[in-house]
Amino acid sequence: MFKHNKAVWGWALYDWGNSAFATTVMAGFFPIFFKQYWSSGADVNMSTAQLGLANSVASLLVALMAPVLGAIADRGSYKKRFMTLFAYLGVLMTACLFLVEQGNWLMAVLVYTLGTIGFSGANVFYDSLLPSLSNEETVDSVSSLGYAMGYLGGGILFLLNVVMTLNPSWFGLADAAEAVRWSFLTVALWWGCFTLLTLFWVPEPQLARDHVRGNSIAEGLAQLRRTFKEMRHLKTLMLFLFAYWFYMDGVDTIVRMAVDYGMSIGFASTDLITALLLVQFVGFPAALIFGRLGEKWGVKRSIFLAIGIYMLATIGGMQMTQKYEFYLLAAVIGLVQGGIQALSRSYYSRLIPPNQAAEYYGFFNMLGKFAVILGPVLMGGVALLARNWLMPEAPSEAEIQMVGQLAARWSIGSILILFLIGGILLYFVDDEKGREEARYLAEH
């Protein structure tokens, strides 16, 4: 379908490039390095709370900026420019992680937060390019192609980085810690280079002349005010956004905190890295399959299926004790992670006025990022509360370890409520009504 569509492949290759940050940095090495190198000697539950806070602060800042920047980009055809600005902020900060010294957890949090802002901010404008590259028949497949390429590209570089850390002497490196630091530089190079293909191959969507008037910043802010007023008429869209807010919070929290959780309950870092690799390479074909499933079986039904599988995986995660259980859960999550993300993005495109894509994707990402504020803090807060409640006076080393692991299990269980609320809200979303509301606003 996409064999001769250079723009679609250019768009998908950005996911190929930036997913290296999501895999090697966010999900893989940063949580491990943060616990073992930058927070060396700290309590496991306290470092979980610090990591959760870093994710939440970054998400909050992106959430506040996204709709405003999206509105400005729509009025001035600046989607690619804003995407470039945020993407290369992320690239620069990822490279700077190489320079953070051992024990300096505060600087690590600061640089990581700025890198996450770059990663998440660029995704607002990357997502907003989707409607201009697809139509009603192809949007699910194009969206799924992006996620599939992300899993494959991120997985390939992650595999190289894992080999570097397991065999640092092969690459002329002193030890695993040095290999991890160099891995951050490879992510920056990978992300920065593949972003260039997107900038060269994907055209900037152009507005009709009657949509371009005067100063783009002033027009964008005025449009944002109008959109807040308009959205009260898009009741279906608002309901979907709230559903997405909750269930995607669960997804993103698991992505960002799974390795930290596994370490808290006693798994070795090598086991967790292997599981992450499994997610990547299972996720590549699974994302493509989910795109087809959405076309044949229905997007909403397919999202429900993914939510249900995530709930079962979360329950299983609370109880796992063996390595093979962690690998099994990783494979299960790999089957649905890309699918729920891709189909949510394409489902949303059906509910928005087409001439305001960046702005509405700004709201889409805003709610997603506000949700991720809740998830990591929820996990960190539950872990600390449970630890304080369960810890006996003058505990032994064995009791400290046992309570810490039990608190971590309770913390991952708290994510279930997010999937449950999201699924209930999604049940009441009527996409046909949503299309009618979007068409009405676009015509008036």
Protein backbone atom coordinates (compact mmCIF):
# COMPACT_ATOMS: atom_id res chain seq x y z
CA MET A 1 0.00 0.00 0.00
CA PHE A 2 2.82 2.43 0.89
CA LYS A 3 5.42 1.15 -1.59
CA HIS A 4 5.60 4.35 -3.62
CA ASN A 5 4.55 6.87 -0.97
CA LYS A 6 7.77 8.56 0.05
CA ALA A 7 6.01 10.97 2.42
CA VAL A 8 4.38 8.14 4.40
CA TRP A 9 7.70 6.34 4.77
CA GLY A 10 9.41 9.58 5.74
CA TRP A 11 6.77 10.11 8.43
CA ALA A 12 7.12 6.54 9.72
CA LEU A 13 10.92 6.82 9.85
CA TYR A 14 10.65 9.53 12.49
CA ASP A 15 9.09 6.89 14.74
CA TRP A 16 11.97 4.58 13.76
CA GLY A 17 14.40 7.24 14.98
CA ASN A 18 12.80 8.72 18.08
CA SER A 19 11.73 5.35 19.50
CA ALA A 20 15.36 4.79 20.42
CA PHE A 21 14.80 7.36 23.16
CA ALA A 22 11.66 5.56 24.34
CA THR A 23 13.40 2.17 24.46
CA THR A 24 17.06 2.72 25.37
CA VAL A 25 16.54 5.79 27.58
CA MET A 26 13.00 5.95 29.02
CA ALA A 27 12.17 2.28 29.37
CA GLY A 28 15.61 0.67 29.45
CA PHE A 29 18.84 2.18 30.67
CA PHE A 30 17.78 5.39 32.40
CA PRO A 31 15.72 3.67 35.18
CA ILE A 32 18.52 1.15 35.78
CA PHE A 33 21.31 3.73 35.65
CA PHE A 34 19.28 6.09 37.81
CA LYS A 35 18.95 3.47 40.54
CA GLN A 36 22.43 1.98 40.36
CA TYR A 37 24.63 4.90 39.26
CA TRP A 38 23.00 8.31 39.75
CA SER A 39 21.07 7.31 42.93
CA SER A 40 23.62 4.85 44.22
CA GLY A 41 22.88 3.80 47.82
CA ALA A 42 19.39 5.37 47.96
CA ASP A 43 16.28 3.48 49.17
CA VAL A 44 14.55 1.67 46.26
CA ASN A 45 11.13 3.17 47.00
CA MET A 46 12.57 6.67 47.31
CA SER A 47 14.35 6.40 43.95
CA THR A 48 11.06 5.16 42.44
CA ALA A 49 9.38 8.31 43.73
CA GLN A 50 12.19 10.49 42.33
CA LEU A 51 11.91 8.83 38.91
CA GLY A 52 8.12 9.18 38.98
CA LEU A 53 8.47 12.87 39.82
CA ALA A 54 10.85 13.43 36.88
CA ASN A 55 8.39 11.82 34.45
CA SER A 56 5.49 13.79 35.89
CA VAL A 57 7.21 17.20 35.72
CA ALA A 58 8.18 16.65 32.08
CA SER A 59 4.66 15.56 31.22
CA LEU A 60 3.13 18.57 32.95
CA LEU A 61 5.30 21.06 31.05
CA VAL A 62 4.51 19.45 27.68
CA ALA A 63 0.82 19.29 28.54
CA LEU A 64 0.70 23.02 29.25
CA MET A 65 2.54 23.97 26.03
CA ALA A 66 1.03 21.55 23.53
CA PRO A 67 -2.36 23.16 22.71
CA VAL A 68 -0.90 26.66 22.42
CA LEU A 69 1.94 25.59 20.13
CA GLY A 70 -0.43 23.40 18.14
CA ALA A 71 -2.78 26.31 17.50
CA ILE A 72 0.11 28.53 16.35
CA ALA A 73 1.44 25.75 14.08
CA ASP A 74 -1.99 25.32 12.47
CA ARG A 75 -2.36 29.02 11.68
CA GLY A 76 1.09 29.41 10.18
CA SER A 77 1.87 25.97 8.71
CA TYR A 78 4.66 25.49 11.25
CA LYS A 79 4.14 21.84 12.18
CA LYS A 80 7.53 20.68 10.90
CA ARG A 81 9.36 23.67 12.38
CA PHE A 82 8.02 23.03 15.87
CA MET A 83 8.66 19.31 15.49
CA THR A 84 12.29 20.06 14.55
CA LEU A 85 12.75 22.39 17.54
CA PHE A 86 11.50 19.86 20.07
CA ALA A 87 13.13 16.84 18.42
CA TYR A 88 16.59 18.38 18.49
CA LEU A 89 16.10 19.61 22.06
CA GLY A 90 15.55 15.95 22.90
CA VAL A 91 18.58 14.88 20.86
CA LEU A 92 20.83 17.41 22.62
CA MET A 93 19.64 16.46 26.12
CA THR A 94 20.03 12.75 25.38
CA ALA A 95 23.63 13.39 24.40
CA CYS A 96 24.12 15.40 27.61
CA LEU A 97 23.23 12.36 29.74
CA PHE A 98 26.71 11.10 28.82
CA LEU A 99 28.19 13.94 30.88
CA VAL A 100 26.23 13.44 34.13
CA GLU A 101 28.52 12.14 36.86
CA GLN A 102 27.87 9.28 39.28
CA GLY A 103 25.72 10.21 42.29
CA ASN A 104 24.40 13.40 40.68
CA TRP A 105 20.75 12.30 40.59
CA LEU A 106 19.45 15.88 40.52
CA MET A 107 21.31 16.76 37.30
CA ALA A 108 20.23 13.43 35.81
CA VAL A 109 16.59 14.29 36.57
CA LEU A 110 16.97 17.78 35.05
CA VAL A 111 18.57 16.58 31.80
CA TYR A 112 16.16 13.66 31.50
CA THR A 113 13.18 15.97 32.05
CA LEU A 114 14.32 18.30 29.27
CA GLY A 115 14.94 15.32 26.98
CA THR A 116 11.46 14.00 27.68
CA ILE A 117 9.99 17.43 26.93
CA GLY A 118 11.75 17.34 23.55
CA PHE A 119 10.56 13.81 22.84
CA SER A 120 6.95 14.42 23.87
CA GLY A 121 6.71 17.90 22.38
CA ALA A 122 7.91 16.72 18.96
CA ASN A 123 5.30 13.95 19.03
CA VAL A 124 2.50 16.55 19.19
CA PHE A 125 3.48 17.86 15.75
CA TYR A 126 4.48 14.46 14.38
CA ASP A 127 1.01 13.12 15.19
CA SER A 128 -0.62 16.20 13.64
CA LEU A 129 0.94 15.36 10.25
CA LEU A 130 -1.00 12.07 10.10
CA PRO A 131 -4.31 13.46 8.65
CA SER A 132 -2.47 15.10 5.74
CA LEU A 133 -0.80 11.78 4.80
CA SER A 134 -3.85 9.49 4.96
CA ASN A 135 -7.59 9.25 4.45
CA GLU A 136 -10.49 7.44 6.13
CA GLU A 137 -9.48 4.12 4.54
CA THR A 138 -5.74 4.28 5.21
CA VAL A 139 -5.40 6.17 8.50
CA ASP A 140 -5.38 3.05 10.70
CA SER A 141 -2.71 1.35 8.57
CA VAL A 142 -0.53 4.46 8.29
CA SER A 143 -0.71 5.08 12.05
CA SER A 144 0.13 1.43 12.74
CA LEU A 145 3.04 1.55 10.28
CA GLY A 146 4.55 4.38 12.32
CA TYR A 147 4.37 2.43 15.55
CA ALA A 148 5.62 -0.76 13.89
CA MET A 149 8.65 1.05 12.47
CA GLY A 150 9.23 2.53 15.92
CA TYR A 151 9.32 -0.89 17.53
CA LEU A 152 11.71 -2.24 14.91
CA GLY A 153 14.04 0.78 14.79
CA GLY A 154 14.07 1.28 18.54
CA GLY A 155 14.57 -2.45 19.04
CA ILE A 156 17.53 -2.70 16.66
CA LEU A 157 19.46 0.10 18.37
CA PHE A 158 18.47 -1.18 21.80
CA LEU A 159 19.86 -4.60 20.88
CA LEU A 160 23.16 -2.99 19.88
CA ASN A 161 23.22 -1.03 23.15
CA VAL A 162 22.55 -4.19 25.17
CA VAL A 163 25.43 -5.97 23.43
CA MET A 164 27.63 -2.95 24.26
CA THR A 165 26.78 -3.18 27.97
CA LEU A 166 27.18 -6.98 28.16
CA ASN A 167 30.48 -6.98 26.23
CA PRO A 168 32.03 -3.52 26.66
CA SER A 169 35.52 -4.75 25.75
CA TRP A 170 34.31 -5.54 22.21
CA PHE A 171 33.80 -1.81 21.71
CA GLY A 172 36.95 -0.64 23.51
CA LEU A 173 35.01 0.41 26.62
CA ALA A 174 36.13 -0.08 30.22
CA ASP A 175 32.95 -1.44 31.79
CA ALA A 176 29.14 -1.62 31.56
CA ALA A 177 28.69 1.84 33.11
CA GLU A 178 30.78 3.44 30.39
CA ALA A 179 28.86 1.43 27.77
CA VAL A 180 25.53 2.77 29.07
CA ARG A 181 26.83 6.34 28.89
CA TRP A 182 27.96 5.79 25.29
CA SER A 183 24.57 4.25 24.53
CA PHE A 184 22.96 7.61 25.28
CA LEU A 185 25.17 9.16 22.58
CA THR A 186 24.15 6.50 20.04
CA VAL A 187 20.49 7.29 20.73
CA ALA A 188 21.10 10.99 20.11
CA LEU A 189 22.86 10.25 16.81
CA TRP A 190 20.20 7.73 15.67
CA TRP A 191 17.30 10.04 16.53
CA GLY A 192 18.93 13.11 14.98
CA CYS A 193 19.85 11.41 11.70
CA PHE A 194 16.49 9.76 10.99
CA THR A 195 14.65 12.98 11.83
CA LEU A 196 16.38 14.52 8.80
CA LEU A 197 14.63 12.04 6.47
CA THR A 198 11.27 13.10 7.89
CA LEU A 199 12.11 16.77 7.36
CA PHE A 200 13.21 16.14 3.76
CA TRP A 201 10.47 13.72 2.66
CA VAL A 202 7.31 14.88 4.45
CA PRO A 203 5.71 18.07 3.05
CA GLU A 204 4.36 20.74 5.37
CA PRO A 205 0.53 20.73 5.13
CA GLN A 206 -0.53 24.02 3.57
CA LEU A 207 -3.57 25.99 4.65
CA ALA A 208 -6.06 27.46 2.25
CA ARG A 209 -5.51 31.19 1.70
CA ASP A 210 -8.59 32.17 3.67
CA HIS A 211 -7.12 30.48 6.75
CA VAL A 212 -3.90 32.53 6.68
CA ARG A 213 -4.39 36.00 8.08
CA GLY A 214 -1.83 38.25 9.74
CA ASN A 215 0.46 37.22 12.54
CA SER A 216 0.55 33.46 13.09
CA ILE A 217 1.13 33.72 16.85
CA ALA A 218 -1.77 36.13 17.39
CA GLU A 219 -3.98 34.07 15.06
CA GLY A 220 -2.98 30.85 16.80
CA LEU A 221 -3.85 32.19 20.26
CA ALA A 222 -7.16 33.57 18.95
CA GLN A 223 -7.90 30.18 17.37
CA LEU A 224 -7.11 28.45 20.66
CA ARG A 225 -9.68 30.62 22.44
CA ARG A 226 -12.25 29.81 19.75
CA THR A 227 -11.48 26.12 20.02
CA PHE A 228 -12.12 26.09 23.77
CA LYS A 229 -15.55 27.48 22.95
CA GLU A 230 -16.07 25.05 20.07
CA MET A 231 -15.15 21.97 22.08
CA ARG A 232 -18.29 22.22 24.17
CA HIS A 233 -20.12 21.19 20.97
CA LEU A 234 -17.76 18.22 20.44
CA LYS A 235 -19.17 16.15 23.27
CA THR A 236 -18.14 12.85 21.73
CA LEU A 237 -14.59 14.05 21.24
CA MET A 238 -14.39 15.22 24.84
CA LEU A 239 -15.66 11.88 26.12
CA PHE A 240 -13.06 10.01 24.06
CA LEU A 241 -10.31 12.31 25.34
CA PHE A 242 -11.22 11.54 28.93
CA ALA A 243 -11.30 7.81 28.17
CA TYR A 244 -7.91 8.08 26.46
CA TRP A 245 -6.61 10.11 29.40
CA PHE A 246 -7.19 7.22 31.79
CA TYR A 247 -6.32 4.10 29.80
CA MET A 248 -3.27 5.62 28.13
CA ASP A 249 -2.06 6.71 31.54
CA GLY A 250 -1.87 3.04 32.44
CA VAL A 251 -0.04 2.19 29.21
CA ASP A 252 2.54 4.96 29.51
CA THR A 253 3.12 4.36 33.20
CA ILE A 254 3.90 0.71 32.54
CA VAL A 255 6.28 1.73 29.74
CA ARG A 256 8.15 4.19 31.94
CA MET A 257 8.11 2.34 35.26
CA ALA A 258 8.23 -1.38 34.37
CA VAL A 259 12.00 -1.74 34.67
CA ASP A 260 12.03 0.23 37.93
CA TYR A 261 9.27 -2.08 39.25
CA GLY A 262 11.11 -5.23 38.20
CA MET A 263 14.25 -4.09 40.00
CA SER A 264 12.24 -3.23 43.12
CA ILE A 265 10.90 -6.79 43.39
CA GLY A 266 14.32 -8.35 42.93
CA PHE A 267 14.84 -9.12 39.22
CA ALA A 268 18.30 -8.64 37.73
CA SER A 269 18.76 -5.78 35.29
CA THR A 270 19.82 -8.21 32.53
CA ASP A 271 16.49 -10.05 32.84
CA LEU A 272 14.58 -6.79 32.52
CA ILE A 273 16.55 -5.66 29.48
CA THR A 274 15.89 -9.01 27.79
CA ALA A 275 12.18 -8.57 28.45
CA LEU A 276 12.25 -5.08 26.92
CA LEU A 277 13.91 -6.42 23.79
CA LEU A 278 11.17 -9.03 23.57
CA VAL A 279 8.52 -6.27 23.72
CA GLN A 280 10.19 -4.43 20.84
CA PHE A 281 10.42 -7.33 18.43
CA VAL A 282 6.98 -8.73 19.27
CA GLY A 283 5.58 -5.20 18.97
CA PHE A 284 6.76 -4.73 15.36
CA PRO A 285 4.46 -7.28 13.66
CA ALA A 286 1.77 -6.89 16.33
CA ALA A 287 1.32 -3.17 15.58
CA LEU A 288 0.81 -3.93 11.88
CA ILE A 289 -1.66 -6.71 12.73
CA PHE A 290 -3.62 -4.39 15.02
CA GLY A 291 -3.89 -1.87 12.19
CA ARG A 292 -5.53 -4.54 10.02
CA LEU A 293 -7.65 -5.67 12.95
CA GLY A 294 -8.94 -2.13 13.37
CA GLU A 295 -9.94 -2.00 9.71
CA LYS A 296 -11.66 -5.40 9.67
CA TRP A 297 -13.08 -5.79 13.19
CA GLY A 298 -13.51 -2.18 14.24
CA VAL A 299 -11.14 0.30 15.91
CA LYS A 300 -13.15 0.67 19.11
CA ARG A 301 -13.47 -3.08 19.63
CA SER A 302 -9.75 -3.51 19.07
CA ILE A 303 -8.95 -0.84 21.68
CA PHE A 304 -11.25 -2.63 24.15
CA LEU A 305 -9.36 -5.87 23.49
CA ALA A 306 -6.05 -4.16 24.23
CA ILE A 307 -7.37 -2.60 27.48
CA GLY A 308 -8.59 -5.99 28.67
CA ILE A 309 -5.22 -7.61 27.95
CA TYR A 310 -3.43 -4.80 29.80
CA MET A 311 -5.62 -5.35 32.86
CA LEU A 312 -4.83 -9.07 32.89
CA ALA A 313 -1.11 -8.30 32.45
CA THR A 314 -1.18 -5.87 35.38
CA ILE A 315 -2.79 -8.47 37.63
CA GLY A 316 -0.17 -10.98 36.52
CA GLY A 317 2.59 -8.46 37.19
CA MET A 318 1.49 -8.09 40.81
CA GLN A 319 1.98 -11.81 41.40
CA MET A 320 5.01 -12.76 39.32
CA THR A 321 8.06 -14.22 41.03
CA GLN A 322 9.91 -16.06 38.23
CA LYS A 323 11.90 -14.79 35.26
CA TYR A 324 9.82 -16.71 32.73
CA GLU A 325 6.70 -14.93 34.05
CA PHE A 326 8.30 -11.57 33.35
CA TYR A 327 9.20 -12.68 29.83
CA LEU A 328 5.67 -13.97 29.24
CA LEU A 329 4.15 -10.69 30.39
CA ALA A 330 6.59 -8.77 28.19
CA ALA A 331 5.43 -10.76 25.16
CA VAL A 332 1.77 -10.15 26.02
CA ILE A 333 2.36 -6.39 26.40
CA GLY A 334 4.29 -6.37 23.12
CA LEU A 335 1.22 -7.80 21.37
CA VAL A 336 -0.99 -4.84 22.34
CA GLN A 337 1.20 -1.85 23.20
CA GLY A 338 1.71 -0.55 19.67
CA GLY A 339 -1.84 -1.46 18.68
CA ILE A 340 -3.57 0.56 21.40
CA GLN A 341 -1.35 3.57 20.69
CA ALA A 342 -1.76 3.46 16.91
CA LEU A 343 -5.51 2.85 16.92
CA SER A 344 -6.15 5.55 19.53
CA ARG A 345 -4.29 8.05 17.34
CA SER A 346 -6.17 7.07 14.19
CA TYR A 347 -9.56 6.87 15.98
CA TYR A 348 -9.03 10.42 17.23
CA SER A 349 -8.33 11.68 13.70
CA ARG A 350 -11.91 10.77 12.78
CA LEU A 351 -13.38 13.01 15.48
CA ILE A 352 -11.55 16.30 14.82
CA PRO A 353 -12.04 19.16 12.30
CA PRO A 354 -9.42 18.43 9.59
CA ASN A 355 -8.16 22.03 9.28
CA GLN A 356 -7.10 22.18 12.96
CA ALA A 357 -5.11 18.95 13.24
CA ALA A 358 -2.05 20.23 15.14
CA GLU A 359 -4.16 22.12 17.63
CA TYR A 360 -6.46 19.19 18.32
CA TYR A 361 -3.52 16.80 18.50
CA GLY A 362 -2.11 19.28 21.00
CA PHE A 363 -5.16 18.63 23.18
CA PHE A 364 -4.80 14.90 22.51
CA ASN A 365 -1.21 14.89 23.73
CA MET A 366 -2.01 17.34 26.52
CA LEU A 367 -4.49 14.95 28.10
CA GLY A 368 -2.16 12.03 27.53
CA LYS A 369 0.66 13.87 29.30
CA PHE A 370 -1.59 15.03 32.14
CA ALA A 371 -2.53 11.38 32.60
CA VAL A 372 1.12 10.37 32.83
CA ILE A 373 1.45 12.93 35.60
CA LEU A 374 -0.98 10.82 37.59
CA GLY A 375 0.38 7.33 36.89
CA PRO A 376 4.03 7.56 37.98
CA VAL A 377 3.11 9.66 41.02
CA LEU A 378 0.39 7.14 41.87
CA MET A 379 2.89 4.30 41.75
CA GLY A 380 5.52 6.19 43.71
CA GLY A 381 3.00 7.42 46.28
CA VAL A 382 1.43 4.00 46.83
CA ALA A 383 4.89 2.45 47.18
CA LEU A 384 5.95 4.96 49.85
CA LEU A 385 2.64 4.79 51.75
CA ALA A 386 2.62 1.00 51.74
CA ARG A 387 6.25 0.87 52.82
CA ASN A 388 5.64 3.25 55.74
CA TRP A 389 2.50 1.38 56.78
CA LEU A 390 3.97 -2.12 56.58
CA MET A 391 7.47 -1.47 57.91
CA PRO A 392 7.93 -2.75 61.50
CA GLU A 393 9.91 -0.85 64.08
CA ALA A 394 13.63 -1.63 64.02
CA PRO A 395 13.31 -3.89 60.93
CA SER A 396 15.95 -6.39 59.92
CA GLU A 397 17.55 -6.33 56.46
CA ALA A 398 15.30 -9.21 55.36
CA GLU A 399 12.18 -7.37 56.57
CA ILE A 400 13.20 -4.18 54.73
CA GLN A 401 13.63 -6.14 51.50
CA MET A 402 10.34 -8.03 51.93
CA VAL A 403 8.33 -4.87 52.69
CA GLY A 404 9.94 -3.02 49.79
CA GLN A 405 8.93 -5.75 47.35
CA LEU A 406 5.38 -5.95 48.70
CA ALA A 407 4.99 -2.17 48.46
CA ALA A 408 6.21 -2.30 44.86
CA ARG A 409 3.57 -4.94 44.03
CA TRP A 410 0.84 -2.76 45.50
CA SER A 411 2.11 0.19 43.49
CA ILE A 412 1.79 -1.62 40.12
CA GLY A 413 -1.68 -2.83 41.13
CA SER A 414 -2.84 0.76 41.51
CA ILE A 415 -2.64 1.14 37.70
CA LEU A 416 -5.66 -1.18 37.27
CA ILE A 417 -8.08 1.58 38.23
CA LEU A 418 -6.87 3.69 35.29
CA PHE A 419 -7.60 0.97 32.73
CA LEU A 420 -10.99 0.31 34.29
CA ILE A 421 -12.14 3.94 34.19
CA GLY A 422 -10.80 4.41 30.65
CA GLY A 423 -12.63 1.34 29.38
CA ILE A 424 -15.95 2.39 30.94
CA LEU A 425 -15.73 5.87 29.40
CA LEU A 426 -14.78 4.48 25.98
CA TYR A 427 -17.89 2.28 26.01
CA PHE A 428 -20.07 5.40 25.80
CA VAL A 429 -18.19 7.00 22.86
CA ASP A 430 -20.32 7.09 19.66
CA ASP A 431 -17.91 7.63 16.78
CA GLU A 432 -20.64 8.25 14.17
CA LYS A 433 -21.99 11.08 16.27
CA GLY A 434 -18.44 12.35 16.71
CA ARG A 435 -17.89 12.49 12.94
CA GLU A 436 -21.08 14.49 12.51
CA GLU A 437 -20.03 16.99 15.17
CA ALA A 438 -16.59 17.43 13.56
CA ARG A 439 -18.09 17.91 10.09
CA TYR A 440 -20.53 20.50 11.40
CA LEU A 441 -17.76 22.57 13.00
CA ALA A 442 -15.55 22.33 9.90
CA GLU A 443 -18.38 23.63 7.71
CA HIS A 444 -19.37 26.47 10.04
